[in-house]
């Protein structure tokens, strides 16, 4: 997946994609345009999360995050010797319901699944606009494609393209791994004391941030948040897609 999109992992299954061929990266009809149709996830969003929905639209990537297919909240992390306490916005998956109802992927047409994650820094637990220009963090979206029909993996060293060493530490063997097309956006800082290569852009606007009654001895303080997230996501080939999420 690369650096972006690896902070968290959100596995969501395409509902409506089907096998196709042609187009760069096997995306199918390059002439398709317009936003994906609205969809509703069948799971529930647990408090203090707010149900998220939205779309991502590009020449080679088009998908909808179905209403309630994601959950958004603000979290205040505990401080440590090397990293002070921070306020971060998190976009995460719903944890129940049928994963196939969370995400609708139209392009690439043969996509099997997709993933959308975000961890973005804020200056404090308050409404306002936060951006990649002055903030920290990243977001990423990856789409998983089918294994090539002619892929063969053999041996236990120097695996061929499309294969990687997997299995027990005592005897890993070359096995296929699912190909992915990934898009992401990141600020110059990663919110954990490190630096990153700025990529694309993101803007987070919070219209409200409200306290939530935590359980006793809860390790992290979480808050209810509402607002919007927009981003320009880029892949390694320089292709871009526009993301818009409301929560």
C-alpha atoms as a PDB file:
ATOM      1  CA  UNK A   1       0.000   0.000   0.000  1.00  0.00           C
ATOM      2  CA  UNK A   2       2.920   2.365   0.470  1.00  0.00           C
ATOM      3  CA  UNK A   3       3.214   4.864   3.316  1.00  0.00           C
ATOM      4  CA  UNK A   4      -0.113   6.554   2.837  1.00  0.00           C
ATOM      5  CA  UNK A   5      -3.034   4.383   3.766  1.00  0.00           C
ATOM      6  CA  UNK A   6      -0.951   2.257   6.136  1.00  0.00           C
ATOM      7  CA  UNK A   7      -1.705   4.205   9.318  1.00  0.00           C
ATOM      8  CA  UNK A   8      -4.983   2.315   9.627  1.00  0.00           C
ATOM      9  CA  UNK A   9      -6.531  -0.494   7.623  1.00  0.00           C
ATOM     10  CA  UNK A  10     -10.123  -0.361   6.395  1.00  0.00           C
ATOM     11  CA  UNK A  11     -11.181  -3.402   4.357  1.00  0.00           C
ATOM     12  CA  UNK A  12     -14.367  -2.841   2.405  1.00  0.00           C
ATOM     13  CA  UNK A  13     -15.789  -4.972  -0.372  1.00  0.00           C
ATOM     14  CA  UNK A  14     -17.017  -3.645  -3.694  1.00  0.00           C
ATOM     15  CA  UNK A  15     -20.738  -3.937  -4.336  1.00  0.00           C
ATOM     16  CA  UNK A  16     -21.502  -3.623  -7.994  1.00  0.00           C
ATOM     17  CA  UNK A  17     -18.060  -4.085  -9.570  1.00  0.00           C
ATOM     18  CA  UNK A  18     -17.654  -6.776 -12.209  1.00  0.00           C
ATOM     19  CA  UNK A  19     -14.850  -8.201 -14.278  1.00  0.00           C
ATOM     20  CA  UNK A  20     -13.735  -6.129 -17.229  1.00  0.00           C
ATOM     21  CA  UNK A  21     -10.612  -5.434 -19.192  1.00  0.00           C
ATOM     22  CA  UNK A  22      -8.980  -2.587 -21.028  1.00  0.00           C
ATOM     23  CA  UNK A  23      -7.868   0.881 -20.003  1.00  0.00           C
ATOM     24  CA  UNK A  24      -4.805   1.894 -18.019  1.00  0.00           C
ATOM     25  CA  UNK A  25      -4.325  -0.281 -14.927  1.00  0.00           C
ATOM     26  CA  UNK A  26      -7.226  -2.395 -16.172  1.00  0.00           C
ATOM     27  CA  UNK A  27      -9.792   0.207 -15.146  1.00  0.00           C
ATOM     28  CA  UNK A  28     -12.219  -0.466 -17.978  1.00  0.00           C
ATOM     29  CA  UNK A  29     -14.107   2.303 -19.762  1.00  0.00           C
ATOM     30  CA  UNK A  30     -12.050   5.477 -19.548  1.00  0.00           C
ATOM     31  CA  UNK A  31     -14.964   7.505 -20.942  1.00  0.00           C
ATOM     32  CA  UNK A  32     -17.228   6.880 -17.912  1.00  0.00           C
ATOM     33  CA  UNK A  33     -17.982  10.070 -15.979  1.00  0.00           C
ATOM     34  CA  UNK A  34     -20.065  11.387 -13.113  1.00  0.00           C
ATOM     35  CA  UNK A  35     -20.367  10.496  -9.446  1.00  0.00           C
ATOM     36  CA  UNK A  36     -21.287   6.972  -8.326  1.00  0.00           C
ATOM     37  CA  UNK A  37     -24.904   6.381  -7.241  1.00  0.00           C
ATOM     38  CA  UNK A  38     -25.911   6.790  -3.602  1.00  0.00           C
ATOM     39  CA  UNK A  39     -25.820   3.695  -1.431  1.00  0.00           C
ATOM     40  CA  UNK A  40     -26.591   2.819   2.191  1.00  0.00           C
ATOM     41  CA  UNK A  41     -24.575   0.481   4.427  1.00  0.00           C
ATOM     42  CA  UNK A  42     -26.547  -2.011   6.501  1.00  0.00           C
ATOM     43  CA  UNK A  43     -24.367  -1.717   9.622  1.00  0.00           C
ATOM     44  CA  UNK A  44     -24.691   0.680  12.539  1.00  0.00           C
ATOM     45  CA  UNK A  45     -22.184   3.285  13.696  1.00  0.00           C
ATOM     46  CA  UNK A  46     -21.272   3.060  17.365  1.00  0.00           C
ATOM     47  CA  UNK A  47     -21.019   6.214  19.473  1.00  0.00           C
ATOM     48  CA  UNK A  48     -19.160   8.511  19.580  1.00  0.00           C
ATOM     49  CA  UNK A  49     -18.648   7.972  15.868  1.00  0.00           C
ATOM     50  CA  UNK A  50     -20.646   9.924  13.285  1.00  0.00           C
ATOM     51  CA  UNK A  51     -21.793   8.020  10.161  1.00  0.00           C
ATOM     52  CA  UNK A  52     -19.748   9.019   7.122  1.00  0.00           C
ATOM     53  CA  UNK A  53     -20.608   8.941   3.432  1.00  0.00           C
ATOM     54  CA  UNK A  54     -19.119  10.369   0.272  1.00  0.00           C
ATOM     55  CA  UNK A  55     -17.525   9.760  -3.087  1.00  0.00           C
ATOM     56  CA  UNK A  56     -14.188   9.600  -4.859  1.00  0.00           C
ATOM     57  CA  UNK A  57     -14.133  10.514  -8.543  1.00  0.00           C
ATOM     58  CA  UNK A  58     -11.267  10.338 -11.013  1.00  0.00           C
ATOM     59  CA  UNK A  59     -10.499   9.175 -14.544  1.00  0.00           C
ATOM     60  CA  UNK A  60      -9.514   5.691 -13.346  1.00  0.00           C
ATOM     61  CA  UNK A  61     -11.124   5.536  -9.911  1.00  0.00           C
ATOM     62  CA  UNK A  62     -14.780   6.070  -9.052  1.00  0.00           C
ATOM     63  CA  UNK A  63     -16.440   4.839  -5.887  1.00  0.00           C
ATOM     64  CA  UNK A  64     -18.925   5.753  -3.166  1.00  0.00           C
ATOM     65  CA  UNK A  65     -18.471   5.390   0.553  1.00  0.00           C
ATOM     66  CA  UNK A  66     -22.015   4.286   1.355  1.00  0.00           C
ATOM     67  CA  UNK A  67     -23.946   6.183   4.036  1.00  0.00           C
ATOM     68  CA  UNK A  68     -22.901   4.708   7.375  1.00  0.00           C
ATOM     69  CA  UNK A  69     -20.125   2.689   5.776  1.00  0.00           C
ATOM     70  CA  UNK A  70     -17.543   4.690   7.683  1.00  0.00           C
ATOM     71  CA  UNK A  71     -17.355   6.248  11.122  1.00  0.00           C
ATOM     72  CA  UNK A  72     -15.696   9.574  11.956  1.00  0.00           C
ATOM     73  CA  UNK A  73     -14.636  10.919  15.345  1.00  0.00           C
ATOM     74  CA  UNK A  74     -12.030  13.057  17.101  1.00  0.00           C
ATOM     75  CA  UNK A  75      -9.563  11.514  19.528  1.00  0.00           C
ATOM     76  CA  UNK A  76      -7.179  13.021  22.070  1.00  0.00           C
ATOM     77  CA  UNK A  77      -4.118  10.819  22.438  1.00  0.00           C
ATOM     78  CA  UNK A  78      -2.113  10.479  25.663  1.00  0.00           C
ATOM     79  CA  UNK A  79       1.283  12.127  25.713  1.00  0.00           C
ATOM     80  CA  UNK A  80       4.596  10.284  25.810  1.00  0.00           C
ATOM     81  CA  UNK A  81       8.240  11.233  26.296  1.00  0.00           C
ATOM     82  CA  UNK A  82       8.836  11.571  22.562  1.00  0.00           C
ATOM     83  CA  UNK A  83       5.365  12.658  21.383  1.00  0.00           C
ATOM     84  CA  UNK A  84       3.087  15.115  23.237  1.00  0.00           C
ATOM     85  CA  UNK A  85      -0.664  14.638  23.562  1.00  0.00           C
ATOM     86  CA  UNK A  86      -2.389  15.323  20.243  1.00  0.00           C
ATOM     87  CA  UNK A  87      -5.861  15.852  18.874  1.00  0.00           C
ATOM     88  CA  UNK A  88      -6.532  13.820  15.722  1.00  0.00           C
ATOM     89  CA  UNK A  89      -9.439  13.197  13.389  1.00  0.00           C
ATOM     90  CA  UNK A  90      -9.980   9.553  12.456  1.00  0.00           C
ATOM     91  CA  UNK A  91     -12.041   8.050   9.642  1.00  0.00           C
ATOM     92  CA  UNK A  92     -12.543   4.352  10.299  1.00  0.00           C
ATOM     93  CA  UNK A  93     -14.848   1.552   9.123  1.00  0.00           C
ATOM     94  CA  UNK A  94     -18.095   0.526  10.716  1.00  0.00           C
ATOM     95  CA  UNK A  95     -17.417  -2.724  12.539  1.00  0.00           C
ATOM     96  CA  UNK A  96     -20.662  -4.596  11.894  1.00  0.00           C
ATOM     97  CA  UNK A  97     -23.026  -5.341   9.032  1.00  0.00           C
ATOM     98  CA  UNK A  98     -22.186  -6.770   5.616  1.00  0.00           C
ATOM     99  CA  UNK A  99     -18.832  -5.359   4.401  1.00  0.00           C
ATOM    100  CA  UNK A 100     -20.144  -5.499   0.825  1.00  0.00           C
ATOM    101  CA  UNK A 101     -22.594  -2.683   1.609  1.00  0.00           C
ATOM    102  CA  UNK A 102     -19.960  -0.251   2.887  1.00  0.00           C
ATOM    103  CA  UNK A 103     -18.343   0.698  -0.426  1.00  0.00           C
ATOM    104  CA  UNK A 104     -19.561   0.819  -4.016  1.00  0.00           C
ATOM    105  CA  UNK A 105     -16.709   0.691  -6.547  1.00  0.00           C
ATOM    106  CA  UNK A 106     -17.489   1.422 -10.194  1.00  0.00           C
ATOM    107  CA  UNK A 107     -13.920   1.882 -11.464  1.00  0.00           C
ATOM    108  CA  UNK A 108     -11.812  -0.192 -11.772  1.00  0.00           C
ATOM    109  CA  UNK A 109     -14.677  -2.374 -12.968  1.00  0.00           C
ATOM    110  CA  UNK A 110     -12.996  -5.631 -11.959  1.00  0.00           C
ATOM    111  CA  UNK A 111     -12.202  -4.398  -8.440  1.00  0.00           C
ATOM    112  CA  UNK A 112     -12.715  -6.920  -5.661  1.00  0.00           C
ATOM    113  CA  UNK A 113     -12.434  -4.618  -2.665  1.00  0.00           C
ATOM    114  CA  UNK A 114     -11.282  -1.203  -1.536  1.00  0.00           C
ATOM    115  CA  UNK A 115     -10.069   0.575   1.550  1.00  0.00           C
ATOM    116  CA  UNK A 116     -10.329   4.173   2.814  1.00  0.00           C
ATOM    117  CA  UNK A 117      -8.534   5.401   5.950  1.00  0.00           C
ATOM    118  CA  UNK A 118      -7.585   8.762   7.468  1.00  0.00           C
ATOM    119  CA  UNK A 119      -5.673  10.033  10.494  1.00  0.00           C
ATOM    120  CA  UNK A 120      -5.361  13.822  10.413  1.00  0.00           C
ATOM    121  CA  UNK A 121      -3.921  16.188  13.009  1.00  0.00           C
ATOM    122  CA  UNK A 122      -5.790  19.103  14.570  1.00  0.00           C
ATOM    123  CA  UNK A 123      -4.529  22.010  16.678  1.00  0.00           C
ATOM    124  CA  UNK A 124      -7.162  21.263  19.318  1.00  0.00           C
ATOM    125  CA  UNK A 125     -10.618  19.754  19.931  1.00  0.00           C
ATOM    126  CA  UNK A 126     -12.574  22.636  18.419  1.00  0.00           C
ATOM    127  CA  UNK A 127     -14.553  23.469  15.248  1.00  0.00           C
ATOM    128  CA  UNK A 128     -12.523  24.944  12.431  1.00  0.00           C
ATOM    129  CA  UNK A 129     -10.714  24.141   9.223  1.00  0.00           C
ATOM    130  CA  UNK A 130      -7.517  22.070   9.250  1.00  0.00           C
ATOM    131  CA  UNK A 131      -5.436  21.313   6.175  1.00  0.00           C
ATOM    132  CA  UNK A 132      -2.409  19.454   4.891  1.00  0.00           C
ATOM    133  CA  UNK A 133      -0.646  22.817   4.420  1.00  0.00           C
ATOM    134  CA  UNK A 134      -0.216  23.344   8.166  1.00  0.00           C
ATOM    135  CA  UNK A 135      -1.345  20.087   9.774  1.00  0.00           C
ATOM    136  CA  UNK A 136      -0.080  16.521   9.997  1.00  0.00           C
ATOM    137  CA  UNK A 137      -1.318  13.115   8.908  1.00  0.00           C
ATOM    138  CA  UNK A 138      -2.448  11.272   5.815  1.00  0.00           C
ATOM    139  CA  UNK A 139      -5.314   9.470   4.161  1.00  0.00           C
ATOM    140  CA  UNK A 140      -5.334   6.726   1.596  1.00  0.00           C
ATOM    141  CA  UNK A 141      -7.593   4.657  -0.615  1.00  0.00           C
ATOM    142  CA  UNK A 142      -6.528   1.342  -2.135  1.00  0.00           C
ATOM    143  CA  UNK A 143      -8.446  -0.889  -4.539  1.00  0.00           C
ATOM    144  CA  UNK A 144      -7.689  -4.602  -4.715  1.00  0.00           C
ATOM    145  CA  UNK A 145      -7.750  -6.269  -8.143  1.00  0.00           C
ATOM    146  CA  UNK A 146      -8.047  -9.957  -9.090  1.00  0.00           C
ATOM    147  CA  UNK A 147      -4.971 -12.173  -9.310  1.00  0.00           C
ATOM    148  CA  UNK A 148      -3.668 -12.540 -12.884  1.00  0.00           C
ATOM    149  CA  UNK A 149      -5.010 -15.765 -14.376  1.00  0.00           C
ATOM    150  CA  UNK A 150      -1.530 -16.963 -15.427  1.00  0.00           C
ATOM    151  CA  UNK A 151       0.274 -16.139 -12.164  1.00  0.00           C
ATOM    152  CA  UNK A 152       2.397 -19.027 -10.848  1.00  0.00           C
ATOM    153  CA  UNK A 153       4.447 -18.762  -7.645  1.00  0.00           C
ATOM    154  CA  UNK A 154       7.149 -21.321  -6.873  1.00  0.00           C
ATOM    155  CA  UNK A 155      10.189 -21.666  -4.658  1.00  0.00           C
ATOM    156  CA  UNK A 156      11.195 -20.086  -1.377  1.00  0.00           C
ATOM    157  CA  UNK A 157      13.612 -17.383  -2.563  1.00  0.00           C
ATOM    158  CA  UNK A 158      13.684 -14.569  -5.154  1.00  0.00           C
ATOM    159  CA  UNK A 159       9.933 -14.653  -5.778  1.00  0.00           C
ATOM    160  CA  UNK A 160       8.692 -13.689  -9.238  1.00  0.00           C
ATOM    161  CA  UNK A 161       6.604 -10.496  -9.745  1.00  0.00           C
ATOM    162  CA  UNK A 162       3.183 -10.805  -8.151  1.00  0.00           C
ATOM    163  CA  UNK A 163       4.508 -13.217  -5.521  1.00  0.00           C
ATOM    164  CA  UNK A 164       5.992 -12.729  -2.059  1.00  0.00           C
ATOM    165  CA  UNK A 165       7.356 -14.863   0.746  1.00  0.00           C
ATOM    166  CA  UNK A 166       4.532 -15.842   3.079  1.00  0.00           C
ATOM    167  CA  UNK A 167       3.840 -18.509   5.656  1.00  0.00           C
ATOM    168  CA  UNK A 168       5.604 -19.655   8.812  1.00  0.00           C
ATOM    169  CA  UNK A 169       8.904 -18.005   9.731  1.00  0.00           C
ATOM    170  CA  UNK A 170      10.547 -21.409   9.719  1.00  0.00           C
ATOM    171  CA  UNK A 171       9.664 -22.085   6.084  1.00  0.00           C
ATOM    172  CA  UNK A 172       8.042 -19.292   4.064  1.00  0.00           C
ATOM    173  CA  UNK A 173       7.305 -19.940   0.406  1.00  0.00           C
ATOM    174  CA  UNK A 174       6.528 -17.742  -2.584  1.00  0.00           C
ATOM    175  CA  UNK A 175       2.788 -17.156  -2.690  1.00  0.00           C
ATOM    176  CA  UNK A 176       0.595 -14.780  -4.714  1.00  0.00           C
ATOM    177  CA  UNK A 177      -0.502 -11.458  -3.244  1.00  0.00           C
ATOM    178  CA  UNK A 178      -3.475  -9.463  -4.426  1.00  0.00           C
ATOM    179  CA  UNK A 179      -2.506  -6.560  -6.737  1.00  0.00           C
ATOM    180  CA  UNK A 180      -3.640  -3.107  -5.659  1.00  0.00           C
ATOM    181  CA  UNK A 181      -4.050   0.375  -7.080  1.00  0.00           C
ATOM    182  CA  UNK A 182      -3.517   2.959  -4.319  1.00  0.00           C
ATOM    183  CA  UNK A 183      -4.190   6.673  -4.036  1.00  0.00           C
ATOM    184  CA  UNK A 184      -3.227   8.895  -1.138  1.00  0.00           C
ATOM    185  CA  UNK A 185      -2.630  12.328   0.289  1.00  0.00           C
ATOM    186  CA  UNK A 186      -0.209  13.304   3.050  1.00  0.00           C
ATOM    187  CA  UNK A 187       1.077  16.361   4.885  1.00  0.00           C
ATOM    188  CA  UNK A 188       4.757  17.023   5.521  1.00  0.00           C
ATOM    189  CA  UNK A 189       4.433  15.522   9.040  1.00  0.00           C
ATOM    190  CA  UNK A 190       2.980  12.160  10.055  1.00  0.00           C
ATOM    191  CA  UNK A 191       1.523  13.080  13.511  1.00  0.00           C
ATOM    192  CA  UNK A 192       3.852  10.672  15.356  1.00  0.00           C
ATOM    193  CA  UNK A 193       6.984  12.803  15.332  1.00  0.00           C
ATOM    194  CA  UNK A 194       8.212  11.911  11.844  1.00  0.00           C
ATOM    195  CA  UNK A 195       8.229  13.529   8.438  1.00  0.00           C
ATOM    196  CA  UNK A 196       6.549  12.499   5.216  1.00  0.00           C
ATOM    197  CA  UNK A 197       6.700  13.486   1.550  1.00  0.00           C
ATOM    198  CA  UNK A 198       3.858  15.968   0.895  1.00  0.00           C
ATOM    199  CA  UNK A 199       1.449  14.463  -1.594  1.00  0.00           C
ATOM    200  CA  UNK A 200      -1.863  15.731  -2.918  1.00  0.00           C
ATOM    201  CA  UNK A 201      -3.833  17.807  -0.436  1.00  0.00           C
ATOM    202  CA  UNK A 202      -6.610  17.531   2.131  1.00  0.00           C
ATOM    203  CA  UNK A 203      -8.894  19.931   3.965  1.00  0.00           C
ATOM    204  CA  UNK A 204     -10.921  19.018   7.053  1.00  0.00           C
ATOM    205  CA  UNK A 205     -13.749  21.322   8.185  1.00  0.00           C
ATOM    206  CA  UNK A 206     -15.388  20.555  11.527  1.00  0.00           C
ATOM    207  CA  UNK A 207     -18.668  22.336  12.242  1.00  0.00           C
ATOM    208  CA  UNK A 208     -18.980  20.843  15.737  1.00  0.00           C
ATOM    209  CA  UNK A 209     -16.848  18.915  18.227  1.00  0.00           C
ATOM    210  CA  UNK A 210     -18.713  17.764  21.332  1.00  0.00           C
ATOM    211  CA  UNK A 211     -17.694  15.914  24.472  1.00  0.00           C
ATOM    212  CA  UNK A 212     -18.760  12.303  24.908  1.00  0.00           C
ATOM    213  CA  UNK A 213     -19.208  10.477  28.211  1.00  0.00           C
ATOM    214  CA  UNK A 214     -16.332   8.018  28.315  1.00  0.00           C
ATOM    215  CA  UNK A 215     -16.308   4.726  30.138  1.00  0.00           C
ATOM    216  CA  UNK A 216     -14.331   4.735  33.365  1.00  0.00           C
ATOM    217  CA  UNK A 217     -10.577   4.333  32.793  1.00  0.00           C
ATOM    218  CA  UNK A 218     -10.951   4.660  29.010  1.00  0.00           C
ATOM    219  CA  UNK A 219      -7.410   4.848  27.520  1.00  0.00           C
ATOM    220  CA  UNK A 220      -8.294   7.553  24.976  1.00  0.00           C
ATOM    221  CA  UNK A 221     -10.654  10.496  25.057  1.00  0.00           C
ATOM    222  CA  UNK A 222     -13.003  10.502  22.069  1.00  0.00           C
ATOM    223  CA  UNK A 223     -15.335  13.284  20.933  1.00  0.00           C
ATOM    224  CA  UNK A 224     -18.323  13.505  18.601  1.00  0.00           C
ATOM    225  CA  UNK A 225     -17.533  15.419  15.405  1.00  0.00           C
ATOM    226  CA  UNK A 226     -19.507  16.628  12.398  1.00  0.00           C
ATOM    227  CA  UNK A 227     -18.225  18.248   9.221  1.00  0.00           C
ATOM    228  CA  UNK A 228     -16.657  17.507   5.850  1.00  0.00           C
ATOM    229  CA  UNK A 229     -13.391  16.198   4.436  1.00  0.00           C
ATOM    230  CA  UNK A 230     -12.155  16.884   0.918  1.00  0.00           C
ATOM    231  CA  UNK A 231      -8.907  15.736  -0.660  1.00  0.00           C
ATOM    232  CA  UNK A 232      -6.982  15.364  -3.872  1.00  0.00           C
ATOM    233  CA  UNK A 233      -5.605  11.818  -3.929  1.00  0.00           C
ATOM    234  CA  UNK A 234      -2.691  10.819  -6.161  1.00  0.00           C
ATOM    235  CA  UNK A 235      -1.339   7.428  -7.173  1.00  0.00           C
ATOM    236  CA  UNK A 236       2.209   6.483  -8.132  1.00  0.00           C
ATOM    237  CA  UNK A 237       1.464   7.108 -11.822  1.00  0.00           C
ATOM    238  CA  UNK A 238       0.385  10.686 -11.144  1.00  0.00           C
ATOM    239  CA  UNK A 239      -3.318  10.028 -11.706  1.00  0.00           C
ATOM    240  CA  UNK A 240      -5.591  12.001  -9.366  1.00  0.00           C
ATOM    241  CA  UNK A 241      -9.019  11.564  -7.836  1.00  0.00           C
ATOM    242  CA  UNK A 242     -11.180  13.955  -5.838  1.00  0.00           C
ATOM    243  CA  UNK A 243     -12.531  12.729  -2.504  1.00  0.00           C
ATOM    244  CA  UNK A 244     -15.492  14.299  -0.671  1.00  0.00           C
ATOM    245  CA  UNK A 245     -16.825  12.909   2.624  1.00  0.00           C
ATOM    246  CA  UNK A 246     -19.497  14.231   4.974  1.00  0.00           C
ATOM    247  CA  UNK A 247     -20.093  13.044   8.543  1.00  0.00           C
END
